Amino acid sequence: MTPETVMGLGIDGMKVALALALALALALALALAAPLLLAALISGLIISLLQAATQINEMTLSFIPKIIAVFITAVVAGPWMLQLFIEYTRQLITQLPQLIG
């Protein structure tokens, strides 16, 4: 879109462009958070099953493995997450004239 077409859209067009930018931001936030949340969920479930089987109810026993699992997931998925974030930032900067009007 050129600036002339954006100016022709008016306020309603700018609202649509901002809504699309917000939708992309929310999708990115979900994509970035999902691996870390899934790692914490899976490790928490496994530790809870082990605690139920052994009847050991120690709070640190469930907390430390979650932290380790999230850290390992962040290290493994970090480059992919950074690439997603850089691509989103690049898209946002190139669409900035369209969003401003």
N, C-alpha and C. Protein backbone atom coordinates (compact mmCIF):
# COMPACT_ATOMS: atom_id res chain seq x y z
N MET A 1 0.84 -1.17 0.00
CA MET A 1 0.00 0.00 0.00
C MET A 1 0.89 1.24 0.00
N THR A 2 0.48 2.18 -0.78
CA THR A 2 1.19 3.45 -0.81
C THR A 2 0.55 4.41 0.17
N PRO A 3 1.26 5.47 0.54
CA PRO A 3 0.64 6.44 1.46
C PRO A 3 -0.64 7.06 0.92
N GLU A 4 -0.72 7.19 -0.41
CA GLU A 4 -1.93 7.76 -1.00
C GLU A 4 -3.14 6.85 -0.78
N THR A 5 -2.93 5.54 -0.92
CA THR A 5 -4.06 4.63 -0.71
C THR A 5 -4.46 4.57 0.75
N VAL A 6 -3.48 4.69 1.63
CA VAL A 6 -3.79 4.71 3.06
C VAL A 6 -4.58 5.95 3.41
N MET A 7 -4.17 7.09 2.87
CA MET A 7 -4.89 8.33 3.13
C MET A 7 -6.30 8.26 2.56
N GLY A 8 -6.47 7.52 1.46
CA GLY A 8 -7.79 7.35 0.88
C GLY A 8 -8.69 6.47 1.73
N LEU A 9 -8.11 5.61 2.54
CA LEU A 9 -8.91 4.74 3.39
C LEU A 9 -9.58 5.50 4.52
N GLY A 10 -8.93 6.53 5.00
CA GLY A 10 -9.51 7.32 6.08
C GLY A 10 -9.33 6.64 7.43
N ILE A 11 -10.14 7.09 8.38
CA ILE A 11 -10.05 6.60 9.76
C ILE A 11 -10.40 5.12 9.84
N ASP A 12 -11.41 4.68 9.10
CA ASP A 12 -11.81 3.28 9.16
C ASP A 12 -10.70 2.36 8.66
N GLY A 13 -10.01 2.77 7.63
CA GLY A 13 -8.90 1.97 7.13
C GLY A 13 -7.76 1.89 8.12
N MET A 14 -7.52 3.00 8.82
CA MET A 14 -6.46 2.99 9.83
C MET A 14 -6.85 2.09 10.99
N LYS A 15 -8.14 2.06 11.34
CA LYS A 15 -8.59 1.17 12.41
C LYS A 15 -8.38 -0.28 12.01
N VAL A 16 -8.66 -0.60 10.76
CA VAL A 16 -8.46 -1.97 10.28
C VAL A 16 -6.97 -2.32 10.31
N ALA A 17 -6.12 -1.39 9.87
CA ALA A 17 -4.68 -1.65 9.87
C ALA A 17 -4.16 -1.84 11.29
N LEU A 18 -4.65 -1.04 12.22
CA LEU A 18 -4.23 -1.19 13.62
C LEU A 18 -4.75 -2.50 14.22
N ALA A 19 -5.96 -2.89 13.84
CA ALA A 19 -6.51 -4.15 14.34
C ALA A 19 -5.69 -5.33 13.82
N LEU A 20 -5.27 -5.26 12.56
CA LEU A 20 -4.43 -6.33 12.01
C LEU A 20 -3.07 -6.37 12.70
N ALA A 21 -2.51 -5.20 12.98
CA ALA A 21 -1.23 -5.16 13.69
C ALA A 21 -1.37 -5.73 15.09
N LEU A 22 -2.47 -5.44 15.75
CA LEU A 22 -2.71 -5.99 17.09
C LEU A 22 -2.89 -7.50 17.04
N ALA A 23 -3.59 -7.99 16.03
CA ALA A 23 -3.77 -9.43 15.88
C ALA A 23 -2.43 -10.13 15.65
N LEU A 24 -1.58 -9.52 14.84
CA LEU A 24 -0.25 -10.11 14.62
C LEU A 24 0.58 -10.10 15.90
N ALA A 25 0.46 -9.05 16.69
CA ALA A 25 1.20 -8.97 17.95
C ALA A 25 0.73 -10.05 18.92
N LEU A 26 -0.57 -10.26 19.00
CA LEU A 26 -1.08 -11.29 19.90
C LEU A 26 -0.68 -12.69 19.44
N ALA A 27 -0.70 -12.91 18.13
CA ALA A 27 -0.28 -14.21 17.60
C ALA A 27 1.21 -14.45 17.88
N LEU A 28 2.01 -13.40 17.77
CA LEU A 28 3.43 -13.53 18.07
C LEU A 28 3.65 -13.82 19.55
N ALA A 29 2.92 -13.14 20.41
CA ALA A 29 3.06 -13.38 21.85
C ALA A 29 2.69 -14.82 22.20
N LEU A 30 1.65 -15.34 21.57
CA LEU A 30 1.26 -16.73 21.80
C LEU A 30 2.33 -17.69 21.29
N ALA A 31 2.88 -17.40 20.12
CA ALA A 31 3.90 -18.28 19.55
C ALA A 31 5.18 -18.26 20.38
N LEU A 32 5.51 -17.11 20.96
CA LEU A 32 6.72 -17.01 21.77
C LEU A 32 6.55 -17.66 23.14
N ALA A 33 5.35 -17.58 23.69
CA ALA A 33 5.12 -18.11 25.03
C ALA A 33 4.81 -19.61 25.03
N ALA A 34 4.29 -20.12 23.93
CA ALA A 34 3.82 -21.50 23.89
C ALA A 34 4.90 -22.54 24.24
N PRO A 35 6.10 -22.48 23.66
CA PRO A 35 7.09 -23.51 24.01
C PRO A 35 7.47 -23.51 25.49
N LEU A 36 7.61 -22.33 26.06
CA LEU A 36 7.98 -22.25 27.48
C LEU A 36 6.85 -22.74 28.37
N LEU A 37 5.63 -22.36 28.03
CA LEU A 37 4.49 -22.81 28.83
C LEU A 37 4.28 -24.32 28.72
N LEU A 38 4.46 -24.86 27.52
CA LEU A 38 4.31 -26.30 27.34
C LEU A 38 5.39 -27.07 28.11
N ALA A 39 6.61 -26.55 28.12
CA ALA A 39 7.67 -27.21 28.89
C ALA A 39 7.34 -27.22 30.37
N ALA A 40 6.85 -26.09 30.89
CA ALA A 40 6.48 -26.04 32.31
C ALA A 40 5.30 -26.95 32.59
N LEU A 41 4.34 -27.00 31.68
CA LEU A 41 3.17 -27.85 31.87
C LEU A 41 3.54 -29.33 31.88
N ILE A 42 4.35 -29.75 30.92
CA ILE A 42 4.71 -31.16 30.83
C ILE A 42 5.58 -31.58 32.01
N SER A 43 6.56 -30.74 32.37
CA SER A 43 7.41 -31.11 33.51
C SER A 43 6.61 -31.10 34.81
N GLY A 44 5.68 -30.17 34.96
CA GLY A 44 4.84 -30.14 36.15
C GLY A 44 3.95 -31.36 36.25
N LEU A 45 3.42 -31.80 35.11
CA LEU A 45 2.58 -32.99 35.09
C LEU A 45 3.38 -34.24 35.47
N ILE A 46 4.57 -34.36 34.91
CA ILE A 46 5.40 -35.53 35.23
C ILE A 46 5.80 -35.54 36.70
N ILE A 47 6.20 -34.40 37.22
CA ILE A 47 6.59 -34.32 38.63
C ILE A 47 5.39 -34.58 39.53
N SER A 48 4.22 -34.09 39.16
CA SER A 48 3.02 -34.34 39.96
C SER A 48 2.67 -35.83 40.00
N LEU A 49 2.81 -36.50 38.86
CA LEU A 49 2.56 -37.94 38.83
C LEU A 49 3.56 -38.69 39.71
N LEU A 50 4.82 -38.28 39.67
CA LEU A 50 5.83 -38.91 40.53
C LEU A 50 5.56 -38.63 42.01
N GLN A 51 5.13 -37.42 42.32
CA GLN A 51 4.81 -37.10 43.71
C GLN A 51 3.60 -37.89 44.20
N ALA A 52 2.62 -38.06 43.33
CA ALA A 52 1.44 -38.84 43.72
C ALA A 52 1.80 -40.31 43.91
N ALA A 53 2.69 -40.81 43.07
CA ALA A 53 3.07 -42.22 43.18
C ALA A 53 3.92 -42.49 44.41
N THR A 54 4.79 -41.55 44.76
CA THR A 54 5.69 -41.77 45.90
C THR A 54 5.19 -41.11 47.18
N GLN A 55 4.15 -40.33 47.10
CA GLN A 55 3.57 -39.61 48.24
C GLN A 55 4.57 -38.66 48.90
N ILE A 56 5.41 -38.07 48.07
CA ILE A 56 6.34 -37.03 48.55
C ILE A 56 5.76 -35.69 48.12
N ASN A 57 5.45 -34.84 49.08
CA ASN A 57 4.87 -33.54 48.77
C ASN A 57 5.83 -32.42 49.16
N GLU A 58 6.88 -32.31 48.42
CA GLU A 58 7.88 -31.27 48.65
C GLU A 58 7.70 -30.20 47.58
N MET A 59 7.57 -28.95 47.99
CA MET A 59 7.32 -27.87 47.04
C MET A 59 8.50 -27.64 46.11
N THR A 60 9.71 -27.73 46.63
CA THR A 60 10.88 -27.50 45.78
C THR A 60 11.06 -28.62 44.76
N LEU A 61 10.51 -29.78 45.04
CA LEU A 61 10.62 -30.89 44.11
C LEU A 61 9.86 -30.60 42.82
N SER A 62 8.82 -29.81 42.87
CA SER A 62 8.08 -29.47 41.65
C SER A 62 8.58 -28.18 41.03
N PHE A 63 9.17 -27.29 41.81
CA PHE A 63 9.58 -25.99 41.30
C PHE A 63 10.89 -26.05 40.52
N ILE A 64 11.87 -26.71 41.06
CA ILE A 64 13.20 -26.76 40.44
C ILE A 64 13.17 -27.43 39.06
N PRO A 65 12.52 -28.58 38.88
CA PRO A 65 12.48 -29.18 37.53
C PRO A 65 11.76 -28.30 36.51
N LYS A 66 10.74 -27.57 36.94
CA LYS A 66 10.06 -26.66 36.01
C LYS A 66 11.01 -25.57 35.54
N ILE A 67 11.76 -25.00 36.46
CA ILE A 67 12.71 -23.95 36.10
C ILE A 67 13.76 -24.50 35.13
N ILE A 68 14.25 -25.69 35.41
CA ILE A 68 15.25 -26.30 34.54
C ILE A 68 14.66 -26.59 33.16
N ALA A 69 13.44 -27.11 33.11
CA ALA A 69 12.80 -27.42 31.83
C ALA A 69 12.56 -26.16 31.01
N VAL A 70 12.11 -25.10 31.67
CA VAL A 70 11.87 -23.84 30.95
C VAL A 70 13.19 -23.26 30.46
N PHE A 71 14.23 -23.34 31.26
CA PHE A 71 15.54 -22.83 30.85
C PHE A 71 16.07 -23.60 29.64
N ILE A 72 15.98 -24.92 29.68
CA ILE A 72 16.46 -25.73 28.55
C ILE A 72 15.64 -25.44 27.29
N THR A 73 14.34 -25.29 27.46
CA THR A 73 13.49 -24.96 26.31
C THR A 73 13.84 -23.60 25.75
N ALA A 74 14.12 -22.64 26.62
CA ALA A 74 14.50 -21.30 26.15
C ALA A 74 15.82 -21.34 25.40
N VAL A 75 16.76 -22.17 25.86
CA VAL A 75 18.04 -22.28 25.16
C VAL A 75 17.86 -22.95 23.81
N VAL A 76 17.05 -24.01 23.76
CA VAL A 76 16.86 -24.75 22.50
C VAL A 76 16.02 -23.94 21.51
N ALA A 77 14.92 -23.36 21.98
CA ALA A 77 14.01 -22.64 21.09
C ALA A 77 14.35 -21.16 20.96
N GLY A 78 15.37 -20.71 21.66
CA GLY A 78 15.73 -19.29 21.65
C GLY A 78 16.01 -18.71 20.28
N PRO A 79 16.84 -19.35 19.46
CA PRO A 79 17.09 -18.79 18.12
C PRO A 79 15.83 -18.69 17.27
N TRP A 80 14.97 -19.68 17.35
CA TRP A 80 13.70 -19.64 16.60
C TRP A 80 12.82 -18.50 17.11
N MET A 81 12.75 -18.35 18.43
CA MET A 81 11.94 -17.29 19.01
C MET A 81 12.50 -15.91 18.64
N LEU A 82 13.82 -15.78 18.66
CA LEU A 82 14.44 -14.51 18.29
C LEU A 82 14.20 -14.19 16.82
N GLN A 83 14.25 -15.20 15.96
CA GLN A 83 13.99 -14.99 14.54
C GLN A 83 12.55 -14.53 14.32
N LEU A 84 11.60 -15.13 15.03
CA LEU A 84 10.21 -14.69 14.93
C LEU A 84 10.05 -13.24 15.36
N PHE A 85 10.70 -12.88 16.46
CA PHE A 85 10.58 -11.53 16.98
C PHE A 85 11.23 -10.51 16.04
N ILE A 86 12.38 -10.85 15.46
CA ILE A 86 13.04 -9.95 14.52
C ILE A 86 12.20 -9.77 13.27
N GLU A 87 11.62 -10.86 12.77
CA GLU A 87 10.78 -10.77 11.57
C GLU A 87 9.54 -9.92 11.84
N TYR A 88 8.94 -10.07 13.01
CA TYR A 88 7.78 -9.25 13.36
C TYR A 88 8.17 -7.78 13.45
N THR A 89 9.31 -7.50 14.07
CA THR A 89 9.77 -6.11 14.19
C THR A 89 10.05 -5.52 12.82
N ARG A 90 10.66 -6.30 11.94
CA ARG A 90 10.92 -5.83 10.58
C ARG A 90 9.61 -5.53 9.86
N GLN A 91 8.62 -6.41 10.00
CA GLN A 91 7.31 -6.17 9.38
C GLN A 91 6.66 -4.91 9.93
N LEU A 92 6.74 -4.74 11.24
CA LEU A 92 6.11 -3.59 11.88
C LEU A 92 6.76 -2.29 11.41
N ILE A 93 8.08 -2.28 11.29
CA ILE A 93 8.76 -1.07 10.85
C ILE A 93 8.43 -0.75 9.40
N THR A 94 8.33 -1.78 8.55
CA THR A 94 7.99 -1.51 7.15
C THR A 94 6.53 -1.08 7.00
N GLN A 95 5.65 -1.49 7.91
CA GLN A 95 4.25 -1.10 7.84
C GLN A 95 3.94 0.18 8.62
N LEU A 96 4.95 0.76 9.25
CA LEU A 96 4.73 1.94 10.06
C LEU A 96 4.10 3.10 9.29
N PRO A 97 4.53 3.39 8.05
CA PRO A 97 3.85 4.47 7.32
C PRO A 97 2.36 4.19 7.08
N GLN A 98 2.01 2.92 6.90
CA GLN A 98 0.61 2.58 6.70
C GLN A 98 -0.19 2.77 7.98
N LEU A 99 0.43 2.47 9.11
CA LEU A 99 -0.28 2.59 10.38
C LEU A 99 -0.46 4.04 10.79
N ILE A 100 0.54 4.87 10.49
CA ILE A 100 0.45 6.28 10.87
C ILE A 100 -0.50 7.03 9.96
N GLY A 101 -0.44 6.72 8.70
CA GLY A 101 -1.33 7.39 7.75
C GLY A 101 -0.62 8.53 7.16
